[in-house]
Amino acid sequence: MSGTKVCIACVEENKLCECHHENPVKELGLSHEASENSSFLHSVINMVGMLIGLGQLSMPYAVESGGWISIFLLISLGVLTTYTSHILGNCLRRNPKSKSYSDIGYSAFGRHGRLLASLFIYLEIFMALVSYTISLHDNIAAAFPATFTNLHNGSFPAAKLTAVAVAIALPSLWIRNLSSISFLSSGGILMSAVIFMSVVFTAVFGGVLDDGRIPVLRLGNIPTVSGVYLFGFGGHIVFPNLYTSMKDPSKFTKVSIVSFATVTALYTALAITGARMFGPNINPQVTLSLPKHLLVTKIALWATVLTPMTKYALEFAPLAIQLERSLPLTMSDRTKLVTRGLVGSTLLLVILALALTVPYFGYVLSLTGSLVSVTISVILPCAFYVKICWDGMSKFTRAANVVFVVSGCVLGLLGSFDSSKLLVNKLVRVHGN
């Protein structure tokens, strides 16, 4: 997901955008029909679609890691991120010239605020692409189990098939038409729904019930678990753009409440169902724990394989647009397109190499949530809100937001440290042998 706003006229006519976000704009990731005229229902659908993604795969694993009580942490973080979504809307109302997440950063802290916001936006994009590629690798291996046996007798390694899948997705990075990119994104949302229904179907009809017990609480794992949970709620970089696309922006808070309540309920149901089915044997990606002989499992695996391939263009688009804006005016349109495509292809190949080197989905997801998502969805929104709306706040509101900033920093530091340590230890064990 991205928080970059772009002028449709400039982009689709292949021109350098010099509008400075003052002309009608449209956010990548929103439906192409939602251009400053989104209804309440349409806005809810868009917000839910932004939030649901890879995070749902690890909810059962997070519950097993943190214990049953960690479900209350999941719900609490859902409530907190609903609140931070609401205060982003307040920041936009206070300064109507702000149109995007980075604009709010500029309104709060000037150039340094914009730079900080942009840094975390692009960091989130990069780490999300790595996570998508790891998921693609893991699930493509499970989808073709016979292909990866007897590796020394001429079979096709999973890494090579993953590379083939990424190569198939590479041309999507050359797409400049926003409607086509939006269509691909809609496919990703559909795949997420298929995954959820597959797990529910298995729970009801699959006859799976693990005898292992999940503890009530594993306190030491809470920092890393919180990172996994926050990854599933980290869509805030695009919420300002959703706000500006609404027909009635005054309903933005209601949209946030309905959307986050829906997503939190879905995550909670999936977490409880998956943890109850597979217990301590749960995989960091619930699709890899589904019974291999069931048809629904194959459907879920293919949905998980296709999800990253539909997301690459959307995730790369903000970087591509910023790249084109920074190229010399004397450069021809065709040269700009080639430059964009080559940079995107190179970046994706680097991400592929990194994902194959560090193929540990749970650890990478937790690190992303602890390092980036907590900053994007908790720390920065509260900091921006305190700075922009200080004069109109009650003392309680000021204190509460300061507490949220401090708590987010502590949780992020602890989660990043623990996730990094676990990831390094795993790499040492695997490659050391």
Foldseek 3Di string as FASTA:
>chain_A
DFFDKDAQVQLVVLHQDPPLPPDFIADQQQAPVLGLADELVSLLVSLLLLLFAQLLQQLQVLCLLFAVVCLVVLVVVLVQLLVLLVLVLVLCVLPVVQQFPLSLLCLQPNPVRSVVSVVLRLVLLLLVLLLLLLLLLVLVCLLCVVQCPPVVVDGDHSLVVSVVLVVVLLVLLLDRNSNVLNVLSVLLSVLSVLLLVLLVCCLVPVPFFDPDDRHRGDPLCSLLSQLSSLSSSQSSRHSSNSLSSYNDSVCSSVSSVVNSVVSSVSSSVSNVSLCRRQPPNAASGNLSVRDSVDPSSSSSSVSSNSNSSSCLNSSCVVVLSVQLNPDDNPDDSVVSSVVSSVVSVVSSVVSSVVCVLQSRNSLSSSLSSLARSLCNSFQSSLSSSCRSCVVVDDPVSNVVSVVRNVVSPVSSVSSNVVSVVVSVVVSCVVVVD
